[in-house]
């Protein structure tokens, strides 16, 4: 029997709680800070119901995911999302797309101290450890979309 390869859709989430991978196989996912969201993000820039992932069919009996700003009722998020550096309301996700939730502060090459100087009170007023804690809470959440081959021994590729 031939070996078939199927692509797995994986979200790599980075937020103030660290980095984690989420394998997707469902048809709809809510993304946000709210405990009821399917994918919870930890950042002050993320709305309670920030975005929605929807699985849509292709012509070849496979599927893809579209990310849409806001919830299923059409209410947009407060801070929007950047996809590959562009502010978009919706996007059909492709391998290695980067989604950043929240306002555009600066390119990713900006140092954390430069961001801290914009977001934190002057460090002379607070301790360095408190400034670092504040900065960690203020970090935007980031998702990288990846499609990884997954082997299957079924001759039908399922």
C-alpha atoms as a PDB file:
ATOM      1  CA  UNK A   1       0.000   0.000   0.000  1.00  0.00           C
ATOM      2  CA  UNK A   2       1.335   3.477  -0.808  1.00  0.00           C
ATOM      3  CA  UNK A   3       2.143   5.878   1.985  1.00  0.00           C
ATOM      4  CA  UNK A   4       0.107   9.099   1.818  1.00  0.00           C
ATOM      5  CA  UNK A   5       1.083  12.401   3.364  1.00  0.00           C
ATOM      6  CA  UNK A   6      -1.491  14.697   4.901  1.00  0.00           C
ATOM      7  CA  UNK A   7      -0.736  18.226   6.101  1.00  0.00           C
ATOM      8  CA  UNK A   8      -1.467  19.146   9.707  1.00  0.00           C
ATOM      9  CA  UNK A   9      -2.392  22.736  10.453  1.00  0.00           C
ATOM     10  CA  UNK A  10      -0.470  23.981  13.466  1.00  0.00           C
ATOM     11  CA  UNK A  11      -0.581  27.286  15.299  1.00  0.00           C
ATOM     12  CA  UNK A  12       2.593  28.292  17.114  1.00  0.00           C
ATOM     13  CA  UNK A  13       1.427  30.733  19.776  1.00  0.00           C
ATOM     14  CA  UNK A  14       3.778  33.131  21.571  1.00  0.00           C
ATOM     15  CA  UNK A  15       2.448  35.364  24.323  1.00  0.00           C
ATOM     16  CA  UNK A  16       3.308  36.381  27.874  1.00  0.00           C
ATOM     17  CA  UNK A  17       2.789  32.766  28.996  1.00  0.00           C
ATOM     18  CA  UNK A  18       5.447  31.462  26.604  1.00  0.00           C
ATOM     19  CA  UNK A  19       5.420  29.411  23.402  1.00  0.00           C
ATOM     20  CA  UNK A  20       3.064  26.532  22.604  1.00  0.00           C
ATOM     21  CA  UNK A  21       1.869  24.573  19.565  1.00  0.00           C
ATOM     22  CA  UNK A  22      -1.783  23.864  18.822  1.00  0.00           C
ATOM     23  CA  UNK A  23      -2.797  21.276  16.207  1.00  0.00           C
ATOM     24  CA  UNK A  24      -6.042  22.255  14.494  1.00  0.00           C
ATOM     25  CA  UNK A  25      -8.647  19.801  13.243  1.00  0.00           C
ATOM     26  CA  UNK A  26     -11.918  21.549  14.097  1.00  0.00           C
ATOM     27  CA  UNK A  27     -14.124  23.713  11.890  1.00  0.00           C
ATOM     28  CA  UNK A  28     -14.313  26.926  13.979  1.00  0.00           C
ATOM     29  CA  UNK A  29     -12.059  28.357  16.697  1.00  0.00           C
ATOM     30  CA  UNK A  30     -12.486  31.502  18.764  1.00  0.00           C
ATOM     31  CA  UNK A  31      -9.278  33.343  19.699  1.00  0.00           C
ATOM     32  CA  UNK A  32      -9.005  35.809  22.564  1.00  0.00           C
ATOM     33  CA  UNK A  33      -8.447  36.493  26.260  1.00  0.00           C
ATOM     34  CA  UNK A  34     -11.805  35.162  27.404  1.00  0.00           C
ATOM     35  CA  UNK A  35     -11.641  31.819  29.264  1.00  0.00           C
ATOM     36  CA  UNK A  36     -14.413  30.543  26.962  1.00  0.00           C
ATOM     37  CA  UNK A  37     -12.276  31.025  23.819  1.00  0.00           C
ATOM     38  CA  UNK A  38     -10.955  27.882  22.147  1.00  0.00           C
ATOM     39  CA  UNK A  39      -7.475  29.437  21.820  1.00  0.00           C
ATOM     40  CA  UNK A  40      -6.626  31.696  24.761  1.00  0.00           C
ATOM     41  CA  UNK A  41      -4.011  34.416  24.402  1.00  0.00           C
ATOM     42  CA  UNK A  42      -2.426  36.316  27.266  1.00  0.00           C
ATOM     43  CA  UNK A  43      -1.799  39.975  26.405  1.00  0.00           C
ATOM     44  CA  UNK A  44      -3.375  43.295  27.294  1.00  0.00           C
ATOM     45  CA  UNK A  45      -3.642  44.037  23.553  1.00  0.00           C
ATOM     46  CA  UNK A  46      -5.847  41.006  22.877  1.00  0.00           C
ATOM     47  CA  UNK A  47      -9.614  41.502  23.035  1.00  0.00           C
ATOM     48  CA  UNK A  48     -11.814  39.054  24.914  1.00  0.00           C
ATOM     49  CA  UNK A  49     -12.988  37.714  21.520  1.00  0.00           C
ATOM     50  CA  UNK A  50     -10.254  38.969  19.189  1.00  0.00           C
ATOM     51  CA  UNK A  51     -10.480  36.740  16.096  1.00  0.00           C
ATOM     52  CA  UNK A  52     -12.135  33.684  14.620  1.00  0.00           C
ATOM     53  CA  UNK A  53     -10.572  30.839  12.632  1.00  0.00           C
ATOM     54  CA  UNK A  54     -12.914  29.154  10.160  1.00  0.00           C
ATOM     55  CA  UNK A  55     -12.196  25.979   8.190  1.00  0.00           C
ATOM     56  CA  UNK A  56     -13.344  26.263   4.561  1.00  0.00           C
ATOM     57  CA  UNK A  57     -13.438  23.639   1.762  1.00  0.00           C
ATOM     58  CA  UNK A  58     -11.264  23.683  -1.359  1.00  0.00           C
ATOM     59  CA  UNK A  59     -12.246  22.255  -4.746  1.00  0.00           C
ATOM     60  CA  UNK A  60      -9.945  19.222  -4.288  1.00  0.00           C
ATOM     61  CA  UNK A  61     -11.775  17.890  -1.181  1.00  0.00           C
ATOM     62  CA  UNK A  62      -9.187  19.396   1.188  1.00  0.00           C
ATOM     63  CA  UNK A  63      -9.651  22.495   3.324  1.00  0.00           C
ATOM     64  CA  UNK A  64      -7.934  25.672   4.473  1.00  0.00           C
ATOM     65  CA  UNK A  65      -8.393  28.096   7.363  1.00  0.00           C
ATOM     66  CA  UNK A  66      -9.403  31.743   7.183  1.00  0.00           C
ATOM     67  CA  UNK A  67      -8.768  34.075  10.115  1.00  0.00           C
ATOM     68  CA  UNK A  68     -11.249  36.927  10.602  1.00  0.00           C
ATOM     69  CA  UNK A  69     -10.868  39.871  12.969  1.00  0.00           C
ATOM     70  CA  UNK A  70     -13.578  39.835  15.636  1.00  0.00           C
ATOM     71  CA  UNK A  71     -16.151  37.345  16.813  1.00  0.00           C
ATOM     72  CA  UNK A  72     -18.747  35.265  14.933  1.00  0.00           C
ATOM     73  CA  UNK A  73     -21.356  37.995  15.411  1.00  0.00           C
ATOM     74  CA  UNK A  74     -19.242  40.463  13.402  1.00  0.00           C
ATOM     75  CA  UNK A  75     -17.971  42.612  16.266  1.00  0.00           C
ATOM     76  CA  UNK A  76     -14.343  43.597  15.443  1.00  0.00           C
ATOM     77  CA  UNK A  77     -11.524  43.510  17.986  1.00  0.00           C
ATOM     78  CA  UNK A  78     -10.350  46.722  19.637  1.00  0.00           C
ATOM     79  CA  UNK A  79      -6.756  46.569  18.365  1.00  0.00           C
ATOM     80  CA  UNK A  80      -6.987  44.585  15.132  1.00  0.00           C
ATOM     81  CA  UNK A  81      -4.393  42.169  13.800  1.00  0.00           C
ATOM     82  CA  UNK A  82      -1.344  42.338  11.569  1.00  0.00           C
ATOM     83  CA  UNK A  83      -0.822  39.490   9.138  1.00  0.00           C
ATOM     84  CA  UNK A  84       2.674  39.387   7.688  1.00  0.00           C
ATOM     85  CA  UNK A  85       3.067  43.038   8.732  1.00  0.00           C
ATOM     86  CA  UNK A  86      -0.170  44.288   7.128  1.00  0.00           C
ATOM     87  CA  UNK A  87      -3.315  45.253   9.011  1.00  0.00           C
ATOM     88  CA  UNK A  88      -6.087  43.034   7.619  1.00  0.00           C
ATOM     89  CA  UNK A  89      -9.664  42.206   8.557  1.00  0.00           C
ATOM     90  CA  UNK A  90      -9.494  38.666   7.125  1.00  0.00           C
ATOM     91  CA  UNK A  91      -6.904  36.408   5.502  1.00  0.00           C
ATOM     92  CA  UNK A  92      -6.725  32.901   4.038  1.00  0.00           C
ATOM     93  CA  UNK A  93      -3.853  31.377   5.981  1.00  0.00           C
ATOM     94  CA  UNK A  94      -0.796  29.962   4.230  1.00  0.00           C
ATOM     95  CA  UNK A  95       2.324  28.232   5.528  1.00  0.00           C
ATOM     96  CA  UNK A  96       4.490  30.480   7.730  1.00  0.00           C
ATOM     97  CA  UNK A  97       2.002  33.366   7.920  1.00  0.00           C
ATOM     98  CA  UNK A  98       2.607  35.503  11.008  1.00  0.00           C
ATOM     99  CA  UNK A  99      -0.369  36.977  12.863  1.00  0.00           C
ATOM    100  CA  UNK A 100       0.242  39.660  15.498  1.00  0.00           C
ATOM    101  CA  UNK A 101      -2.640  40.714  17.722  1.00  0.00           C
ATOM    102  CA  UNK A 102      -2.684  44.331  18.822  1.00  0.00           C
ATOM    103  CA  UNK A 103      -1.454  47.708  17.664  1.00  0.00           C
ATOM    104  CA  UNK A 104       1.596  48.123  15.453  1.00  0.00           C
ATOM    105  CA  UNK A 105       4.269  49.356  17.842  1.00  0.00           C
ATOM    106  CA  UNK A 106       7.341  48.899  15.677  1.00  0.00           C
ATOM    107  CA  UNK A 107       9.113  46.274  13.566  1.00  0.00           C
ATOM    108  CA  UNK A 108      10.128  43.114  15.403  1.00  0.00           C
ATOM    109  CA  UNK A 109      13.742  44.343  15.504  1.00  0.00           C
ATOM    110  CA  UNK A 110      12.797  46.961  18.119  1.00  0.00           C
ATOM    111  CA  UNK A 111      14.476  46.176  21.443  1.00  0.00           C
ATOM    112  CA  UNK A 112      12.417  45.349  24.490  1.00  0.00           C
ATOM    113  CA  UNK A 113      13.922  48.355  26.311  1.00  0.00           C
ATOM    114  CA  UNK A 114      12.668  50.688  23.547  1.00  0.00           C
ATOM    115  CA  UNK A 115       9.187  49.182  23.812  1.00  0.00           C
ATOM    116  CA  UNK A 116       9.342  49.389  27.604  1.00  0.00           C
ATOM    117  CA  UNK A 117      10.212  53.083  27.427  1.00  0.00           C
ATOM    118  CA  UNK A 118       6.972  53.688  25.479  1.00  0.00           C
ATOM    119  CA  UNK A 119       4.738  51.491  27.606  1.00  0.00           C
ATOM    120  CA  UNK A 120       6.124  51.725  31.150  1.00  0.00           C
ATOM    121  CA  UNK A 121       6.390  54.659  33.529  1.00  0.00           C
ATOM    122  CA  UNK A 122       9.940  56.053  33.819  1.00  0.00           C
ATOM    123  CA  UNK A 123      12.124  53.348  35.369  1.00  0.00           C
ATOM    124  CA  UNK A 124      13.389  55.817  37.953  1.00  0.00           C
ATOM    125  CA  UNK A 125       9.886  55.660  39.466  1.00  0.00           C
ATOM    126  CA  UNK A 126       9.647  51.872  39.641  1.00  0.00           C
ATOM    127  CA  UNK A 127      12.002  48.986  40.355  1.00  0.00           C
ATOM    128  CA  UNK A 128      13.660  47.169  37.426  1.00  0.00           C
ATOM    129  CA  UNK A 129      11.880  43.916  38.320  1.00  0.00           C
ATOM    130  CA  UNK A 130       8.495  45.663  38.279  1.00  0.00           C
ATOM    131  CA  UNK A 131       9.331  47.255  34.894  1.00  0.00           C
ATOM    132  CA  UNK A 132      10.221  43.812  33.494  1.00  0.00           C
ATOM    133  CA  UNK A 133       6.963  42.338  34.853  1.00  0.00           C
ATOM    134  CA  UNK A 134       4.983  45.182  33.302  1.00  0.00           C
ATOM    135  CA  UNK A 135       6.715  44.719  29.966  1.00  0.00           C
ATOM    136  CA  UNK A 136       5.976  40.985  29.963  1.00  0.00           C
ATOM    137  CA  UNK A 137       2.281  41.689  30.526  1.00  0.00           C
ATOM    138  CA  UNK A 138       2.264  44.327  27.782  1.00  0.00           C
ATOM    139  CA  UNK A 139       3.777  42.078  25.086  1.00  0.00           C
ATOM    140  CA  UNK A 140       1.633  41.468  22.062  1.00  0.00           C
ATOM    141  CA  UNK A 141       0.569  37.945  21.216  1.00  0.00           C
ATOM    142  CA  UNK A 142       1.939  36.376  18.066  1.00  0.00           C
ATOM    143  CA  UNK A 143       0.876  33.305  16.113  1.00  0.00           C
ATOM    144  CA  UNK A 144       2.808  31.593  13.342  1.00  0.00           C
ATOM    145  CA  UNK A 145       0.751  29.369  11.037  1.00  0.00           C
ATOM    146  CA  UNK A 146       2.492  26.220   9.829  1.00  0.00           C
ATOM    147  CA  UNK A 147       1.466  23.236   7.770  1.00  0.00           C
ATOM    148  CA  UNK A 148       3.444  20.121   8.654  1.00  0.00           C
ATOM    149  CA  UNK A 149       3.371  16.793   6.775  1.00  0.00           C
ATOM    150  CA  UNK A 150       1.814  13.969   8.737  1.00  0.00           C
ATOM    151  CA  UNK A 151       2.208  10.412   7.456  1.00  0.00           C
ATOM    152  CA  UNK A 152      -0.688   8.056   7.138  1.00  0.00           C
ATOM    153  CA  UNK A 153      -0.657   4.373   6.280  1.00  0.00           C
ATOM    154  CA  UNK A 154      -4.142   4.484   4.800  1.00  0.00           C
ATOM    155  CA  UNK A 155      -4.251   4.064   1.010  1.00  0.00           C
ATOM    156  CA  UNK A 156      -6.966   6.753   0.964  1.00  0.00           C
ATOM    157  CA  UNK A 157      -4.822   9.370   2.760  1.00  0.00           C
ATOM    158  CA  UNK A 158      -7.162   9.749   5.747  1.00  0.00           C
END
